[in-house]
N, C-alpha and C. Protein backbone atom coordinates (compact mmCIF):
# COMPACT_ATOMS: atom_id res chain seq x y z
N MET A 1 36.65 24.57 -3.25
CA MET A 1 36.15 24.27 -1.93
C MET A 1 35.66 25.56 -1.27
N THR A 2 34.51 25.47 -0.58
CA THR A 2 33.96 26.65 0.07
C THR A 2 33.99 26.48 1.57
N ASP A 3 33.83 27.59 2.26
CA ASP A 3 33.81 27.56 3.72
C ASP A 3 32.40 27.36 4.28
N THR A 4 31.40 27.39 3.43
CA THR A 4 30.03 27.22 3.92
C THR A 4 29.70 25.75 4.03
N PRO A 5 29.10 25.35 5.16
CA PRO A 5 28.77 23.93 5.33
C PRO A 5 27.62 23.52 4.41
N LYS A 6 27.66 22.27 4.00
CA LYS A 6 26.60 21.73 3.16
C LYS A 6 25.34 21.56 4.00
N GLN A 7 24.21 21.98 3.45
CA GLN A 7 22.94 21.81 4.15
C GLN A 7 22.20 20.64 3.50
N ASP A 8 21.72 19.74 4.33
CA ASP A 8 20.98 18.60 3.83
C ASP A 8 19.57 19.02 3.43
N ALA A 9 19.08 18.41 2.38
CA ALA A 9 17.69 18.64 1.97
C ALA A 9 16.78 17.99 3.00
N PRO A 10 15.59 18.55 3.22
CA PRO A 10 14.70 17.94 4.20
C PRO A 10 14.25 16.56 3.75
N GLY A 11 14.15 15.64 4.67
CA GLY A 11 13.72 14.28 4.36
C GLY A 11 12.22 14.14 4.52
N ASN A 12 11.72 12.94 4.25
CA ASN A 12 10.29 12.69 4.39
C ASN A 12 9.80 12.89 5.82
N ALA A 13 10.67 12.70 6.79
CA ALA A 13 10.26 12.88 8.17
C ALA A 13 9.85 14.32 8.46
N ASP A 14 10.31 15.25 7.64
CA ASP A 14 9.97 16.65 7.81
C ASP A 14 8.71 17.06 7.06
N LYS A 15 8.18 16.15 6.24
CA LYS A 15 6.99 16.43 5.44
C LYS A 15 5.76 15.83 6.10
N PRO A 16 4.63 16.51 6.00
CA PRO A 16 3.40 15.86 6.48
C PRO A 16 3.13 14.61 5.64
N VAL A 17 2.60 13.57 6.25
CA VAL A 17 2.39 12.31 5.54
C VAL A 17 1.46 12.48 4.34
N GLU A 18 0.59 13.46 4.38
CA GLU A 18 -0.31 13.70 3.25
C GLU A 18 0.44 14.11 1.99
N GLU A 19 1.66 14.60 2.14
CA GLU A 19 2.46 15.06 1.01
C GLU A 19 3.47 14.01 0.53
N TRP A 20 3.53 12.86 1.17
CA TRP A 20 4.46 11.82 0.75
C TRP A 20 4.02 11.27 -0.59
N THR A 21 4.93 11.18 -1.54
CA THR A 21 4.59 10.63 -2.85
C THR A 21 4.45 9.12 -2.81
N THR A 22 5.04 8.47 -1.82
CA THR A 22 4.95 7.00 -1.70
C THR A 22 4.14 6.59 -0.48
N GLY A 23 3.37 7.49 0.07
CA GLY A 23 2.61 7.21 1.29
C GLY A 23 1.59 6.12 1.16
N ASP A 24 1.14 5.84 -0.06
CA ASP A 24 0.12 4.81 -0.24
C ASP A 24 0.71 3.43 -0.51
N GLU A 25 2.03 3.33 -0.48
CA GLU A 25 2.69 2.03 -0.64
C GLU A 25 2.67 1.27 0.68
N LYS A 26 2.87 -0.04 0.61
CA LYS A 26 2.92 -0.88 1.81
C LYS A 26 4.01 -0.37 2.76
N MET A 27 3.75 -0.44 4.05
CA MET A 27 4.73 0.03 5.03
C MET A 27 6.05 -0.71 4.85
N THR A 28 7.13 -0.06 5.26
CA THR A 28 8.45 -0.65 5.14
C THR A 28 8.65 -1.72 6.21
N GLY A 29 9.67 -2.51 6.02
CA GLY A 29 10.02 -3.52 7.02
C GLY A 29 10.38 -2.91 8.35
N ALA A 30 11.09 -1.79 8.30
CA ALA A 30 11.48 -1.11 9.54
C ALA A 30 10.25 -0.58 10.28
N GLN A 31 9.31 -0.01 9.51
CA GLN A 31 8.08 0.47 10.14
C GLN A 31 7.33 -0.69 10.78
N ALA A 32 7.20 -1.80 10.06
CA ALA A 32 6.47 -2.95 10.57
C ALA A 32 7.10 -3.48 11.86
N SER A 33 8.40 -3.59 11.87
CA SER A 33 9.11 -4.10 13.03
C SER A 33 8.89 -3.20 14.26
N TYR A 34 9.06 -1.91 14.07
CA TYR A 34 8.89 -0.98 15.19
C TYR A 34 7.43 -0.93 15.63
N LEU A 35 6.52 -0.95 14.67
CA LEU A 35 5.10 -0.91 14.99
C LEU A 35 4.68 -2.15 15.77
N LYS A 36 5.23 -3.31 15.42
CA LYS A 36 4.93 -4.54 16.18
C LYS A 36 5.35 -4.39 17.63
N THR A 37 6.54 -3.82 17.83
CA THR A 37 7.03 -3.60 19.20
C THR A 37 6.11 -2.66 19.96
N LEU A 38 5.73 -1.56 19.32
CA LEU A 38 4.84 -0.60 19.98
C LEU A 38 3.48 -1.21 20.28
N CYS A 39 2.96 -2.00 19.36
CA CYS A 39 1.67 -2.66 19.56
C CYS A 39 1.72 -3.60 20.75
N GLN A 40 2.81 -4.36 20.87
CA GLN A 40 2.97 -5.26 22.01
C GLN A 40 2.99 -4.48 23.31
N GLU A 41 3.75 -3.38 23.33
CA GLU A 41 3.85 -2.58 24.55
C GLU A 41 2.53 -1.92 24.91
N ALA A 42 1.77 -1.50 23.90
CA ALA A 42 0.49 -0.83 24.14
C ALA A 42 -0.66 -1.83 24.27
N GLU A 43 -0.35 -3.12 24.07
CA GLU A 43 -1.34 -4.19 24.14
C GLU A 43 -2.51 -3.94 23.19
N VAL A 44 -2.14 -3.62 21.93
CA VAL A 44 -3.12 -3.45 20.86
C VAL A 44 -2.73 -4.35 19.69
N GLU A 45 -3.69 -4.62 18.84
CA GLU A 45 -3.45 -5.51 17.71
C GLU A 45 -2.61 -4.82 16.63
N PHE A 46 -1.70 -5.58 16.05
CA PHE A 46 -0.86 -5.10 14.95
C PHE A 46 -1.61 -5.32 13.64
N ASP A 47 -1.67 -4.29 12.80
CA ASP A 47 -2.33 -4.37 11.49
C ASP A 47 -1.26 -4.34 10.42
N ASP A 48 -1.05 -5.48 9.76
CA ASP A 48 0.02 -5.56 8.76
C ASP A 48 -0.40 -5.03 7.39
N SER A 49 -1.61 -4.49 7.27
CA SER A 49 -2.08 -3.98 5.98
C SER A 49 -1.93 -2.47 5.83
N LEU A 50 -1.29 -1.82 6.79
CA LEU A 50 -1.18 -0.36 6.74
C LEU A 50 -0.23 0.11 5.64
N THR A 51 -0.51 1.29 5.11
CA THR A 51 0.39 1.93 4.15
C THR A 51 1.51 2.62 4.92
N LYS A 52 2.48 3.12 4.20
CA LYS A 52 3.58 3.86 4.84
C LYS A 52 3.04 5.04 5.64
N ALA A 53 2.12 5.80 5.05
CA ALA A 53 1.56 6.97 5.72
C ALA A 53 0.75 6.57 6.94
N GLU A 54 -0.08 5.53 6.80
CA GLU A 54 -0.89 5.07 7.93
C GLU A 54 0.00 4.53 9.05
N ALA A 55 1.03 3.79 8.69
CA ALA A 55 1.95 3.24 9.69
C ALA A 55 2.66 4.36 10.44
N SER A 56 3.06 5.40 9.72
CA SER A 56 3.72 6.52 10.37
C SER A 56 2.80 7.20 11.39
N ALA A 57 1.55 7.39 11.00
CA ALA A 57 0.58 8.01 11.91
C ALA A 57 0.33 7.11 13.12
N ARG A 58 0.23 5.80 12.89
CA ARG A 58 0.00 4.85 13.98
C ARG A 58 1.19 4.80 14.92
N ILE A 59 2.39 4.86 14.37
CA ILE A 59 3.60 4.90 15.19
C ILE A 59 3.59 6.12 16.09
N ASP A 60 3.27 7.28 15.52
CA ASP A 60 3.19 8.51 16.32
C ASP A 60 2.19 8.36 17.46
N GLU A 61 1.04 7.80 17.15
CA GLU A 61 -0.02 7.61 18.13
C GLU A 61 0.44 6.68 19.26
N LEU A 62 1.05 5.57 18.88
CA LEU A 62 1.46 4.59 19.88
C LEU A 62 2.69 5.05 20.67
N GLN A 63 3.55 5.87 20.06
CA GLN A 63 4.67 6.43 20.80
C GLN A 63 4.15 7.30 21.94
N ASP A 64 3.12 8.07 21.66
CA ASP A 64 2.52 8.90 22.70
C ASP A 64 1.91 8.03 23.80
N LYS A 65 1.22 6.98 23.39
CA LYS A 65 0.54 6.09 24.33
C LYS A 65 1.53 5.33 25.21
N THR A 66 2.67 4.92 24.63
CA THR A 66 3.63 4.11 25.38
C THR A 66 4.72 4.95 26.07
N GLY A 67 4.73 6.23 25.79
CA GLY A 67 5.76 7.08 26.39
C GLY A 67 7.08 7.06 25.65
N ARG A 68 7.11 6.49 24.46
CA ARG A 68 8.35 6.43 23.68
C ARG A 68 8.52 7.67 22.81
N GLY A 69 7.51 8.48 22.69
CA GLY A 69 7.53 9.61 21.77
C GLY A 69 8.29 10.80 22.22
């Protein structure tokens, strides 16, 4: 046992979406759910065809627009 704390490896949230290895896959259920909520609040259409990377970028955009960011 050591006295040094374990450091977590950086997650995908710390990587630019362009570097995600799964960024071109269909968005996750969690992304879709949150994005639907943001779209309703921003009064914009929800696009269910986005990839994980596209959904992440759209979430960032709508968080800024709705004040949730």
